[in-house]
Amino acid sequence: MNYNILPNNNLKIFWDINNYREIISDLEEKDSEWYHRESNLWDFFENLFSDSELEQIEPVEIAALTASPILGIRDQNDTVIQVWWYPNYAIASPLEDLIKDGFTIFQSGNID
């Protein structure tokens, strides 16, 4: 997987075309409940995390009152400096977006 920050500061995560077919085939066999388990999302994003500065951010770290998946970037002092969240988490899944559309969007959040 790869990502880029869009002009509106949202985060777009998309497939690395070289692995797309193999991964899609594996994911299409999963049931809907599997896509909504947060632990599966973080396991699935592990390669993205290991190859980038992105990481999982716990809502409590930024005083967020949500159960939404949150991705972020930290500075050299381990301070969260940028976050993105998935606002439709109650009715959709970033993994389902990846299967259906080939990408998912996490909305930019402000750190003040």
Protein backbone atom coordinates (compact mmCIF):
# COMPACT_ATOMS: atom_id res chain seq x y z
CA MET A 1 0.00 0.00 0.00
CA ASN A 2 0.95 3.58 -0.49
CA TYR A 3 -0.41 6.93 0.60
CA ASN A 4 -0.36 10.58 -0.29
CA ILE A 5 -1.64 13.74 1.32
CA LEU A 6 -4.21 15.41 -0.90
CA PRO A 7 -4.40 19.18 -1.52
CA ASN A 8 -7.22 19.42 1.08
CA ASN A 9 -4.87 17.68 3.60
CA ASN A 10 -6.91 14.47 3.66
CA LEU A 11 -4.94 11.23 3.56
CA LYS A 12 -5.48 8.86 0.64
CA ILE A 13 -4.32 5.26 1.16
CA PHE A 14 -4.23 3.14 -1.97
CA TRP A 15 -2.99 -0.17 -3.30
CA ASP A 16 0.48 -0.84 -4.54
CA ILE A 17 -0.54 -2.23 -7.91
CA ASN A 18 2.09 -5.02 -7.70
CA ASN A 19 0.30 -6.73 -4.79
CA TYR A 20 -3.26 -5.68 -5.53
CA ARG A 21 -4.68 -8.86 -7.10
CA GLU A 22 -3.26 -11.26 -4.50
CA ILE A 23 -4.42 -9.16 -1.54
CA ILE A 24 -7.88 -8.55 -3.03
CA SER A 25 -8.39 -12.25 -3.52
CA ASP A 26 -7.58 -12.90 0.16
CA LEU A 27 -9.77 -10.06 1.42
CA GLU A 28 -12.82 -10.91 -0.68
CA GLU A 29 -13.13 -14.16 1.29
CA LYS A 30 -13.63 -12.28 4.60
CA ASP A 31 -17.06 -11.64 6.04
CA SER A 32 -18.39 -8.16 6.77
CA GLU A 33 -17.75 -8.47 10.49
CA TRP A 34 -14.04 -9.06 9.82
CA TYR A 35 -13.71 -5.66 8.11
CA HIS A 36 -15.11 -3.84 11.13
CA ARG A 37 -12.73 -5.30 13.72
CA GLU A 38 -10.26 -2.55 14.46
CA SER A 39 -7.44 -4.98 15.23
CA ASN A 40 -7.71 -6.35 11.68
CA LEU A 41 -7.35 -2.84 10.28
CA TRP A 42 -4.14 -2.20 12.20
CA ASP A 43 -2.75 -5.62 11.30
CA PHE A 44 -3.54 -4.96 7.66
CA PHE A 45 -1.89 -1.51 7.75
CA GLU A 46 1.29 -2.87 9.39
CA ASN A 47 3.26 -2.79 6.11
CA LEU A 48 2.16 0.77 5.49
CA PHE A 49 3.32 1.73 8.98
CA SER A 50 6.68 0.03 8.61
CA ASP A 51 7.41 1.83 5.34
CA SER A 52 6.30 5.34 6.36
CA GLU A 53 6.03 7.83 9.19
CA LEU A 54 2.34 6.99 9.67
CA GLU A 55 1.18 5.14 12.75
CA GLN A 56 -1.92 4.32 14.73
CA ILE A 57 -2.90 7.04 17.18
CA GLU A 58 -5.10 6.25 20.16
CA PRO A 59 -7.96 8.78 20.55
CA VAL A 60 -6.99 9.44 24.18
CA GLU A 61 -3.54 10.66 23.05
CA ILE A 62 -5.13 13.65 21.33
CA ALA A 63 -8.21 14.03 23.55
CA ALA A 64 -10.48 12.87 20.73
CA LEU A 65 -13.98 11.84 21.71
CA THR A 66 -14.37 9.17 19.04
CA ALA A 67 -13.88 5.48 18.46
CA SER A 68 -12.82 6.20 14.89
CA PRO A 69 -9.57 4.76 13.54
CA ILE A 70 -6.94 7.51 13.67
CA LEU A 71 -3.63 7.66 11.82
CA GLY A 72 -0.96 10.21 12.57
CA ILE A 73 2.59 11.46 12.37
CA ARG A 74 4.79 12.25 15.35
CA ASP A 75 7.76 14.60 15.58
CA GLN A 76 11.19 13.69 16.99
CA ASN A 77 9.87 14.30 20.54
CA ASP A 78 7.08 11.73 20.01
CA THR A 79 4.47 14.51 19.92
CA VAL A 80 1.57 13.91 17.54
CA ILE A 81 1.78 16.68 14.94
CA GLN A 82 -0.74 15.56 12.29
CA VAL A 83 -3.75 13.25 12.41
CA TRP A 84 -6.30 11.80 10.05
CA TRP A 85 -9.46 9.98 11.05
CA TYR A 86 -12.06 7.80 9.35
CA PRO A 87 -15.38 9.53 10.15
CA ASN A 88 -17.69 6.86 8.69
CA TYR A 89 -16.35 4.12 10.98
CA ALA A 90 -19.81 3.26 12.37
CA ILE A 91 -21.26 2.34 8.97
CA ALA A 92 -18.24 1.62 6.76
CA SER A 93 -14.71 0.27 6.91
CA PRO A 94 -11.47 1.54 5.37
CA LEU A 95 -10.76 -2.06 4.34
CA GLU A 96 -14.09 -2.31 2.52
CA ASP A 97 -13.26 0.97 0.74
CA LEU A 98 -9.94 -0.50 -0.38
CA ILE A 99 -11.66 -3.58 -1.79
CA LYS A 100 -14.45 -1.66 -3.52
CA ASP A 101 -12.63 1.45 -4.73
CA GLY A 102 -8.91 0.62 -4.51
CA PHE A 103 -8.39 3.43 -2.00
CA THR A 104 -9.69 4.87 1.25
CA ILE A 105 -9.70 8.44 2.56
CA PHE A 106 -8.95 9.50 6.11
CA GLN A 107 -10.11 13.04 6.89
CA SER A 108 -7.58 15.57 8.15
CA GLY A 109 -7.85 16.58 11.79
CA ASN A 110 -6.34 19.58 13.54
CA ILE A 111 -3.86 19.32 16.39
CA ASP A 112 -4.06 22.42 18.59
